[in-house]
Protein backbone atom coordinates (compact mmCIF):
# COMPACT_ATOMS: atom_id res chain seq x y z
CA MET A 1 -8.46 -13.39 12.73
CA ALA A 2 -6.51 -10.35 14.45
CA SER A 3 -8.19 -7.60 15.66
CA PRO A 4 -8.22 -4.39 13.51
CA PRO A 5 -5.93 -1.69 14.30
CA ILE A 6 -6.94 1.39 16.17
CA THR A 7 -5.62 4.43 14.61
CA PRO A 8 -4.25 7.43 17.06
CA GLU A 9 -7.28 9.41 16.40
CA GLY A 10 -9.27 6.77 18.13
CA THR A 11 -10.89 5.61 14.88
CA THR A 12 -11.11 1.69 14.57
CA PHE A 13 -10.80 0.28 11.06
CA SER A 14 -14.08 -1.52 10.28
CA ALA A 15 -14.59 -4.23 7.58
CA ASP A 16 -18.29 -2.87 7.57
CA CYS A 17 -17.23 0.68 6.90
CA THR A 18 -19.89 2.48 4.45
CA ARG A 19 -18.60 6.00 4.71
CA CYS A 20 -18.33 6.05 0.93
CA PRO A 21 -21.80 5.53 -0.52
CA ARG A 22 -20.61 4.64 -4.20
CA LEU A 23 -18.05 2.10 -2.89
CA ALA A 24 -20.52 0.61 -0.46
CA ASP A 25 -23.10 -0.01 -3.23
CA PHE A 26 -20.52 -1.58 -5.37
CA LEU A 27 -19.47 -3.82 -2.54
CA GLN A 28 -22.97 -4.92 -1.85
CA GLU A 29 -23.42 -5.70 -5.56
CA THR A 30 -19.97 -7.79 -5.55
CA ARG A 31 -21.31 -9.85 -2.60
CA ARG A 32 -24.49 -10.74 -4.52
CA LYS A 33 -22.40 -11.72 -7.72
CA HIS A 34 -19.65 -13.35 -5.77
CA PRO A 35 -20.83 -14.67 -2.32
CA ALA A 36 -17.58 -16.30 -1.56
CA TYR A 37 -15.62 -13.17 -1.87
CA HIS A 38 -14.49 -10.88 1.09
CA ALA A 39 -16.18 -7.96 -0.64
CA ARG A 40 -15.59 -5.49 2.16
CA PRO A 41 -13.09 -2.93 3.17
CA VAL A 42 -9.52 -4.71 3.26
CA ALA A 43 -7.46 -4.29 6.46
CA SER A 44 -3.67 -3.65 6.25
CA PHE A 45 -1.51 -6.60 6.35
CA GLY A 46 2.09 -7.35 7.93
CA ASP A 47 4.22 -6.51 10.92
CA PRO A 48 2.53 -3.82 13.07
CA ALA A 49 6.28 -2.80 14.19
CA ALA A 50 7.46 -2.71 10.74
CA ARG A 51 9.81 0.10 9.46
CA LEU A 52 8.57 -0.18 5.91
CA LEU A 53 5.01 0.78 5.09
CA VAL A 54 3.97 -0.04 1.47
CA VAL A 55 0.99 2.01 0.32
CA GLY A 56 -0.99 0.84 -2.83
CA LEU A 57 -4.06 2.18 -4.55
CA ALA A 58 -7.04 -0.12 -3.60
CA PRO A 59 -7.96 -3.70 -3.63
CA GLY A 60 -8.37 -5.53 -6.96
CA LEU A 61 -11.96 -6.71 -7.76
CA HIS A 62 -10.92 -10.26 -8.11
CA GLY A 63 -7.87 -10.12 -6.05
CA ALA A 64 -7.64 -8.55 -2.70
CA ASN A 65 -11.37 -7.87 -2.62
CA ALA A 66 -11.81 -11.65 -3.03
CA THR A 67 -9.21 -12.76 -0.56
CA GLY A 68 -9.32 -10.07 1.99
CA ARG A 69 -5.70 -9.44 2.11
CA PRO A 70 -3.70 -6.60 0.25
CA PHE A 71 -2.28 -7.56 -3.10
CA THR A 72 -3.22 -11.23 -2.70
CA GLY A 73 -4.78 -12.85 -5.77
CA ASP A 74 -4.17 -9.54 -7.76
CA HIS A 75 -1.74 -9.70 -10.78
CA ALA A 76 0.07 -6.63 -9.03
CA GLY A 77 0.96 -8.91 -6.04
CA LEU A 78 2.85 -11.33 -8.14
CA LEU A 79 5.73 -8.84 -8.63
CA LEU A 80 5.16 -7.17 -5.23
CA TYR A 81 5.50 -10.23 -3.11
CA ALA A 82 8.16 -11.75 -5.13
CA THR A 83 10.26 -8.51 -4.60
CA LEU A 84 9.52 -8.40 -1.08
CA HIS A 85 10.71 -11.93 -0.82
CA ALA A 86 13.85 -11.28 -2.67
CA PHE A 87 14.64 -8.47 -0.31
CA GLY A 88 14.11 -10.36 2.93
CA PHE A 89 10.60 -8.69 3.83
CA ALA A 90 8.34 -11.75 3.13
CA SER A 91 8.56 -15.49 3.88
CA ALA A 92 7.46 -16.68 0.57
CA PRO A 93 7.62 -15.28 -2.99
CA LEU A 94 3.87 -15.59 -3.52
CA SER A 95 0.71 -14.76 -1.57
CA SER A 96 -1.90 -16.97 -2.80
CA SER A 97 -4.66 -16.69 0.28
CA ALA A 98 -5.12 -14.82 3.37
CA THR A 99 -4.39 -18.29 5.02
CA ASP A 100 -1.31 -19.23 3.18
CA GLY A 101 1.08 -18.72 6.10
CA LEU A 102 2.93 -16.16 4.57
CA VAL A 103 4.63 -13.62 6.84
CA LEU A 104 5.95 -10.28 6.29
CA ARG A 105 8.95 -9.19 8.33
CA ASP A 106 9.87 -5.56 9.14
CA CYS A 107 7.17 -4.58 6.36
CA ARG A 108 3.29 -3.73 6.37
CA ILE A 109 1.23 -3.35 3.41
CA THR A 110 -1.92 -0.96 3.08
CA ASN A 111 -3.80 0.95 0.46
CA ALA A 112 -4.85 4.55 0.02
CA VAL A 113 -8.45 3.21 -0.57
CA ARG A 114 -9.57 0.19 1.54
CA CYS A 115 -12.76 -0.68 -0.84
CA VAL A 116 -12.50 -2.01 -4.38
CA PRO A 117 -13.52 0.99 -6.73
CA PRO A 118 -15.48 0.49 -9.95
CA GLN A 119 -13.07 0.29 -12.74
CA ASN A 120 -10.12 0.43 -10.15
CA ARG A 121 -10.60 4.35 -10.14
CA PRO A 122 -11.55 5.71 -6.69
CA LEU A 123 -12.87 9.23 -6.62
CA PRO A 124 -10.97 12.05 -4.96
CA ALA A 125 -13.55 12.21 -2.17
CA GLU A 126 -13.20 8.44 -1.57
CA VAL A 127 -9.31 8.86 -1.13
CA ARG A 128 -10.08 11.64 1.25
CA ASN A 129 -12.51 9.57 3.26
CA CYS A 130 -10.24 6.78 3.81
CA ASN A 131 -7.33 9.03 4.51
CA ALA A 132 -7.64 8.81 8.35
CA PHE A 133 -6.96 5.00 8.31
CA LEU A 134 -3.61 5.82 6.33
CA ARG A 135 -2.85 8.44 8.90
CA GLY A 136 -3.23 5.86 11.53
CA GLU A 137 -0.83 3.43 9.79
CA LEU A 138 1.73 6.17 9.24
CA ALA A 139 1.63 7.04 13.00
CA MET A 140 2.55 3.37 13.90
CA LEU A 141 6.07 3.75 11.95
CA PRO A 142 9.02 4.02 14.18
CA ALA A 143 11.44 7.09 13.84
CA ASP A 144 13.54 5.27 11.31
CA GLY A 145 10.61 4.27 9.30
CA LEU A 146 9.87 4.83 5.70
CA VAL A 147 7.15 4.58 3.21
CA LEU A 148 6.91 3.28 -0.33
CA ALA A 149 4.09 4.78 -2.46
CA LEU A 150 3.00 2.79 -5.49
CA GLY A 151 1.79 5.21 -7.86
CA ALA A 152 0.80 8.89 -7.76
CA ILE A 153 -2.48 8.45 -5.90
CA ALA A 154 -0.83 6.50 -3.10
CA HIS A 155 1.89 9.33 -2.96
CA GLY A 156 -0.60 12.01 -2.79
CA ALA A 157 -2.68 10.18 -0.08
CA THR A 158 0.44 9.67 1.86
CA LEU A 159 1.28 13.46 1.81
CA ARG A 160 -2.39 14.27 2.69
CA ALA A 161 -2.25 11.87 5.70
CA LEU A 162 0.90 13.72 6.95
CA GLY A 163 -0.67 17.00 6.53
CA LEU A 164 1.58 18.21 3.72
CA LYS A 165 0.62 19.97 0.51
CA ALA A 166 0.90 17.93 -2.64
CA SER A 167 3.33 20.41 -4.06
CA SER A 168 5.62 19.67 -1.18
CA ALA A 169 6.96 16.47 -3.02
CA ALA A 170 6.43 15.64 -6.63
CA PHE A 171 5.90 11.97 -7.52
CA GLY A 172 8.48 10.35 -9.67
CA HIS A 173 9.58 6.66 -10.09
CA HIS A 174 12.66 5.89 -7.93
CA ARG A 175 12.62 9.17 -6.06
CA CYS A 176 13.15 9.63 -2.22
CA HIS A 177 11.95 12.61 -0.50
CA LEU A 178 12.98 13.46 3.01
CA LEU A 179 9.93 14.82 4.62
CA PRO A 180 9.32 17.17 7.49
CA GLY A 181 9.92 15.11 10.81
CA GLY A 182 12.59 12.88 9.06
CA LEU A 183 10.15 10.32 7.45
CA ARG A 184 11.42 9.17 4.02
CA LEU A 185 8.99 8.65 1.26
CA PHE A 186 9.96 6.40 -1.64
CA ASP A 187 7.94 6.39 -4.86
CA SER A 188 7.53 3.66 -7.53
CA TYR A 189 5.41 3.16 -10.42
CA HIS A 190 2.54 0.82 -9.47
CA CYS A 191 3.21 -2.82 -10.16
CA SER A 192 -0.21 -3.06 -11.96
CA ARG A 193 -0.84 -5.53 -14.77
CA TYR A 194 -1.02 -2.37 -17.24
CA ASN A 195 2.32 -1.20 -16.07
CA THR A 196 4.28 -4.45 -15.99
CA GLN A 197 2.73 -5.57 -19.46
CA THR A 198 3.76 -2.41 -20.99
CA ARG A 199 6.96 -2.50 -19.29
CA ARG A 200 6.61 1.00 -17.93
CA LEU A 201 7.59 -0.93 -14.78
CA THR A 202 10.17 -3.91 -15.20
CA PRO A 203 11.21 -6.28 -12.46
CA ALA A 204 14.68 -4.71 -12.71
CA MET A 205 13.22 -1.25 -12.17
CA PHE A 206 11.25 -2.35 -9.05
CA HIS A 207 14.41 -4.15 -7.69
CA GLU A 208 16.28 -0.96 -7.94
CA VAL A 209 13.72 0.80 -5.83
CA PHE A 210 13.77 -1.88 -3.25
CA ALA A 211 17.59 -2.01 -3.17
CA ALA A 212 17.66 1.58 -2.29
CA ILE A 213 14.99 1.00 0.37
CA ARG A 214 17.10 -1.86 1.81
CA ALA A 215 20.17 0.33 1.93
CA GLU A 216 18.43 2.96 3.79
CA LEU A 217 17.03 0.52 6.42
CA ASP A 218 20.36 -1.34 6.70
CA GLY A 219 22.07 2.07 7.36
CA ALA A 220 23.66 2.77 4.11
CA ASP A 221 23.05 5.96 2.03
CA ALA A 222 20.99 5.76 -1.03
CA PRO A 223 22.42 7.03 -4.23
CA ALA A 224 22.52 10.82 -4.30
CA HIS A 225 20.74 11.18 -7.55
CA ASP A 226 17.53 9.31 -6.01
CA ARG A 227 17.16 11.77 -3.36
CA ARG A 228 14.67 14.93 -3.32
CA VAL A 229 14.94 16.78 -0.12
């Protein structure tokens, strides 16, 4: 297993972190019920030199919390990894386990909150407690890097980690925000089971977001109507 990343602040991500009492208690209870589960904070996954950082919400109880890899085993991961593969960021369209050999290319995946929260709803204080780890991930991005926030909580956590006010960039599906310092923040509805089954987010809509991301990374301009500067 690879060593956990060290953030620029000198904070080492730890799979034994217990800084959020409610989440630590929930993980302890989950380990009792499911002793084979990872049931600990979930580390980021992917290329440490990636230009694309995908930020999700939190591990799913029977998905990433079980497997120990972001979006792996989660329903949301079905659309995410298939889309990453379609646009050249993943070596395979399905992430089935943390040992399946899948490789991310020029892409890294993390979460705003590293521990599974009860009812998949982290508290604002828990998002804040985990923000230093996200700040470290953002600091690893190269000058031409960009971020994809999956949902409003991931969007807000990204702004907080960058020291920006929530009002500096409003969340909106298929928006691209040019942030101070040149970082580009793309937004998408989260690829959750609820959003995909209700068709709030369709594969075609998700592909449109990734097409804009791929165009940016390949040097082409994204459509002007998608930009918010």
